[in-house]
Amino acid sequence: MKSTDTSEKGLESIVVASLVEEAGYVQGNSQDYDREYAVDGV
């Protein structure tokens, strides 16, 4: 029997996969995020 990952990281993986595979989002890179201006530079 396969166990379910109920951690925060497991939930994040499910959400990201859904957004990228089903909703057409493009996964970004955290290094592109400008914390000072709160925007993604790419």
PDB file of N, CA and C in Angstrom:
ATOM      1  N   MET A   1       0.838  -1.179   0.000  1.00  0.00           N
ATOM      2  CA  MET A   1       0.000   0.000   0.000  1.00  0.00           C
ATOM      3  C   MET A   1       0.886   1.246   0.000  1.00  0.00           C
ATOM      4  N   LYS A   2       0.625   2.171  -0.906  1.00  0.00           N
ATOM      5  CA  LYS A   2       1.392   3.409  -1.017  1.00  0.00           C
ATOM      6  C   LYS A   2       0.884   4.428  -0.001  1.00  0.00           C
ATOM      7  N   SER A   3       1.823   5.077   0.705  1.00  0.00           N
ATOM      8  CA  SER A   3       1.411   6.082   1.685  1.00  0.00           C
ATOM      9  C   SER A   3       1.258   7.447   1.010  1.00  0.00           C
ATOM     10  N   THR A   4       0.517   8.314   1.659  1.00  0.00           N
ATOM     11  CA  THR A   4       0.279   9.658   1.154  1.00  0.00           C
ATOM     12  C   THR A   4       1.197  10.635   1.876  1.00  0.00           C
ATOM     13  N   ASP A   5       1.835  11.514   1.119  1.00  0.00           N
ATOM     14  CA  ASP A   5       2.697  12.537   1.707  1.00  0.00           C
ATOM     15  C   ASP A   5       1.812  13.687   2.169  1.00  0.00           C
ATOM     16  N   THR A   6       1.653  13.821   3.477  1.00  0.00           N
ATOM     17  CA  THR A   6       0.784  14.864   4.027  1.00  0.00           C
ATOM     18  C   THR A   6       1.577  16.065   4.549  1.00  0.00           C
ATOM     19  N   SER A   7       2.849  16.126   4.192  1.00  0.00           N
ATOM     20  CA  SER A   7       3.669  17.256   4.636  1.00  0.00           C
ATOM     21  C   SER A   7       3.355  18.502   3.809  1.00  0.00           C
ATOM     22  N   GLU A   8       3.838  19.637   4.268  1.00  0.00           N
ATOM     23  CA  GLU A   8       3.649  20.882   3.519  1.00  0.00           C
ATOM     24  C   GLU A   8       4.328  20.786   2.153  1.00  0.00           C
ATOM     25  N   LYS A   9       5.510  20.169   2.107  1.00  0.00           N
ATOM     26  CA  LYS A   9       6.235  20.009   0.849  1.00  0.00           C
ATOM     27  C   LYS A   9       5.440  19.115  -0.111  1.00  0.00           C
ATOM     28  N   GLY A  10       4.785  18.093   0.407  1.00  0.00           N
ATOM     29  CA  GLY A  10       3.957  17.226  -0.423  1.00  0.00           C
ATOM     30  C   GLY A  10       2.776  17.976  -1.015  1.00  0.00           C
ATOM     31  N   LEU A  11       2.120  18.794  -0.203  1.00  0.00           N
ATOM     32  CA  LEU A  11       0.994  19.598  -0.682  1.00  0.00           C
ATOM     33  C   LEU A  11       1.466  20.599  -1.728  1.00  0.00           C
ATOM     34  N   GLU A  12       2.610  21.228  -1.475  1.00  0.00           N
ATOM     35  CA  GLU A  12       3.156  22.186  -2.436  1.00  0.00           C
ATOM     36  C   GLU A  12       3.410  21.509  -3.783  1.00  0.00           C
ATOM     37  N   SER A  13       3.923  20.298  -3.762  1.00  0.00           N
ATOM     38  CA  SER A  13       4.185  19.562  -5.006  1.00  0.00           C
ATOM     39  C   SER A  13       2.902  19.320  -5.792  1.00  0.00           C
ATOM     40  N   ILE A  14       1.841  18.982  -5.088  1.00  0.00           N
ATOM     41  CA  ILE A  14       0.552  18.736  -5.739  1.00  0.00           C
ATOM     42  C   ILE A  14       0.007  20.026  -6.356  1.00  0.00           C
ATOM     43  N   VAL A  15       0.075  21.121  -5.608  1.00  0.00           N
ATOM     44  CA  VAL A  15      -0.436  22.406  -6.095  1.00  0.00           C
ATOM     45  C   VAL A  15       0.359  22.876  -7.309  1.00  0.00           C
ATOM     46  N   VAL A  16       1.684  22.807  -7.234  1.00  0.00           N
ATOM     47  CA  VAL A  16       2.532  23.240  -8.347  1.00  0.00           C
ATOM     48  C   VAL A  16       2.262  22.384  -9.577  1.00  0.00           C
ATOM     49  N   ALA A  17       2.175  21.072  -9.412  1.00  0.00           N
ATOM     50  CA  ALA A  17       1.905  20.185 -10.545  1.00  0.00           C
ATOM     51  C   ALA A  17       0.574  20.530 -11.199  1.00  0.00           C
ATOM     52  N   SER A  18      -0.447  20.796 -10.405  1.00  0.00           N
ATOM     53  CA  SER A  18      -1.756  21.146 -10.947  1.00  0.00           C
ATOM     54  C   SER A  18      -1.704  22.458 -11.723  1.00  0.00           C
ATOM     55  N   LEU A  19      -1.054  23.467 -11.158  1.00  0.00           N
ATOM     56  CA  LEU A  19      -0.966  24.765 -11.832  1.00  0.00           C
ATOM     57  C   LEU A  19      -0.188  24.672 -13.139  1.00  0.00           C
ATOM     58  N   VAL A  20       0.916  23.928 -13.140  1.00  0.00           N
ATOM     59  CA  VAL A  20       1.767  23.830 -14.325  1.00  0.00           C
ATOM     60  C   VAL A  20       1.140  22.932 -15.389  1.00  0.00           C
ATOM     61  N   GLU A  21       0.652  21.765 -14.984  1.00  0.00           N
ATOM     62  CA  GLU A  21       0.165  20.777 -15.948  1.00  0.00           C
ATOM     63  C   GLU A  21      -1.256  21.039 -16.434  1.00  0.00           C
ATOM     64  N   GLU A  22      -2.087  21.626 -15.587  1.00  0.00           N
ATOM     65  CA  GLU A  22      -3.498  21.762 -15.936  1.00  0.00           C
ATOM     66  C   GLU A  22      -3.943  23.199 -16.196  1.00  0.00           C
ATOM     67  N   ALA A  23      -3.271  24.164 -15.594  1.00  0.00           N
ATOM     68  CA  ALA A  23      -3.742  25.547 -15.692  1.00  0.00           C
ATOM     69  C   ALA A  23      -2.858  26.429 -16.571  1.00  0.00           C
ATOM     70  N   GLY A  24      -1.786  25.861 -17.102  1.00  0.00           N
ATOM     71  CA  GLY A  24      -0.953  26.613 -18.030  1.00  0.00           C
ATOM     72  C   GLY A  24       0.062  27.554 -17.407  1.00  0.00           C
ATOM     73  N   TYR A  25       0.256  27.458 -16.097  1.00  0.00           N
ATOM     74  CA  TYR A  25       1.255  28.307 -15.453  1.00  0.00           C
ATOM     75  C   TYR A  25       2.654  27.815 -15.792  1.00  0.00           C
ATOM     76  N   VAL A  26       3.638  28.704 -15.686  1.00  0.00           N
ATOM     77  CA  VAL A  26       5.044  28.354 -15.872  1.00  0.00           C
ATOM     78  C   VAL A  26       5.719  28.487 -14.516  1.00  0.00           C
ATOM     79  N   GLN A  27       6.375  27.422 -14.088  1.00  0.00           N
ATOM     80  CA  GLN A  27       7.033  27.462 -12.787  1.00  0.00           C
ATOM     81  C   GLN A  27       8.258  28.362 -12.850  1.00  0.00           C
ATOM     82  N   GLY A  28       8.342  29.294 -11.926  1.00  0.00           N
ATOM     83  CA  GLY A  28       9.444  30.239 -11.895  1.00  0.00           C
ATOM     84  C   GLY A  28      10.606  29.748 -11.060  1.00  0.00           C
ATOM     85  N   ASN A  29      11.585  30.615 -10.944  1.00  0.00           N
ATOM     86  CA  ASN A  29      12.780  30.339 -10.168  1.00  0.00           C
ATOM     87  C   ASN A  29      12.840  31.368  -9.047  1.00  0.00           C
ATOM     88  N   SER A  30      13.021  30.921  -7.827  1.00  0.00           N
ATOM     89  CA  SER A  30      13.016  31.849  -6.691  1.00  0.00           C
ATOM     90  C   SER A  30      14.125  32.894  -6.782  1.00  0.00           C
ATOM     91  N   GLN A  31      15.182  32.622  -7.519  1.00  0.00           N
ATOM     92  CA  GLN A  31      16.274  33.588  -7.669  1.00  0.00           C
ATOM     93  C   GLN A  31      15.859  34.787  -8.523  1.00  0.00           C
ATOM     94  N   ASP A  32      14.789  34.661  -9.293  1.00  0.00           N
ATOM     95  CA  ASP A  32      14.299  35.761 -10.126  1.00  0.00           C
ATOM     96  C   ASP A  32      13.397  36.724  -9.354  1.00  0.00           C
ATOM     97  N   TYR A  33      13.031  36.365  -8.130  1.00  0.00           N
ATOM     98  CA  TYR A  33      12.110  37.171  -7.331  1.00  0.00           C
ATOM     99  C   TYR A  33      12.855  38.314  -6.648  1.00  0.00           C
ATOM    100  N   ASP A  34      12.361  39.523  -6.823  1.00  0.00           N
ATOM    101  CA  ASP A  34      12.948  40.710  -6.205  1.00  0.00           C
ATOM    102  C   ASP A  34      12.155  41.035  -4.941  1.00  0.00           C
ATOM    103  N   ARG A  35      12.727  40.733  -3.789  1.00  0.00           N
ATOM    104  CA  ARG A  35      12.028  40.935  -2.513  1.00  0.00           C
ATOM    105  C   ARG A  35      11.752  42.408  -2.228  1.00  0.00           C
ATOM    106  N   GLU A  36      12.636  43.275  -2.659  1.00  0.00           N
ATOM    107  CA  GLU A  36      12.460  44.707  -2.394  1.00  0.00           C
ATOM    108  C   GLU A  36      11.203  45.247  -3.070  1.00  0.00           C
ATOM    109  N   TYR A  37      10.949  44.829  -4.310  1.00  0.00           N
ATOM    110  CA  TYR A  37       9.798  45.318  -5.071  1.00  0.00           C
ATOM    111  C   TYR A  37       8.660  44.309  -5.153  1.00  0.00           C
ATOM    112  N   ALA A  38       8.867  43.111  -4.612  1.00  0.00           N
ATOM    113  CA  ALA A  38       7.859  42.049  -4.578  1.00  0.00           C
ATOM    114  C   ALA A  38       7.346  41.685  -5.970  1.00  0.00           C
ATOM    115  N   VAL A  39       8.289  41.524  -6.914  1.00  0.00           N
ATOM    116  CA  VAL A  39       7.938  41.121  -8.273  1.00  0.00           C
ATOM    117  C   VAL A  39       8.919  40.064  -8.772  1.00  0.00           C
ATOM    118  N   ASP A  40       8.463  39.282  -9.734  1.00  0.00           N
ATOM    119  CA  ASP A  40       9.315  38.312 -10.415  1.00  0.00           C
ATOM    120  C   ASP A  40       9.935  39.019 -11.609  1.00  0.00           C
ATOM    121  N   GLY A  41      11.250  39.048 -11.679  1.00  0.00           N
ATOM    122  CA  GLY A  41      11.944  39.791 -12.719  1.00  0.00           C
ATOM    123  C   GLY A  41      11.910  39.166 -14.095  1.00  0.00           C
ATOM    124  N   VAL A  42      11.348  37.992 -14.237  1.00  0.00           N
ATOM    125  CA  VAL A  42      11.323  37.321 -15.547  1.00  0.00           C
ATOM    126  C   VAL A  42       9.927  37.344 -16.113  1.00  0.00           C
TER     127      VAL A  42
END
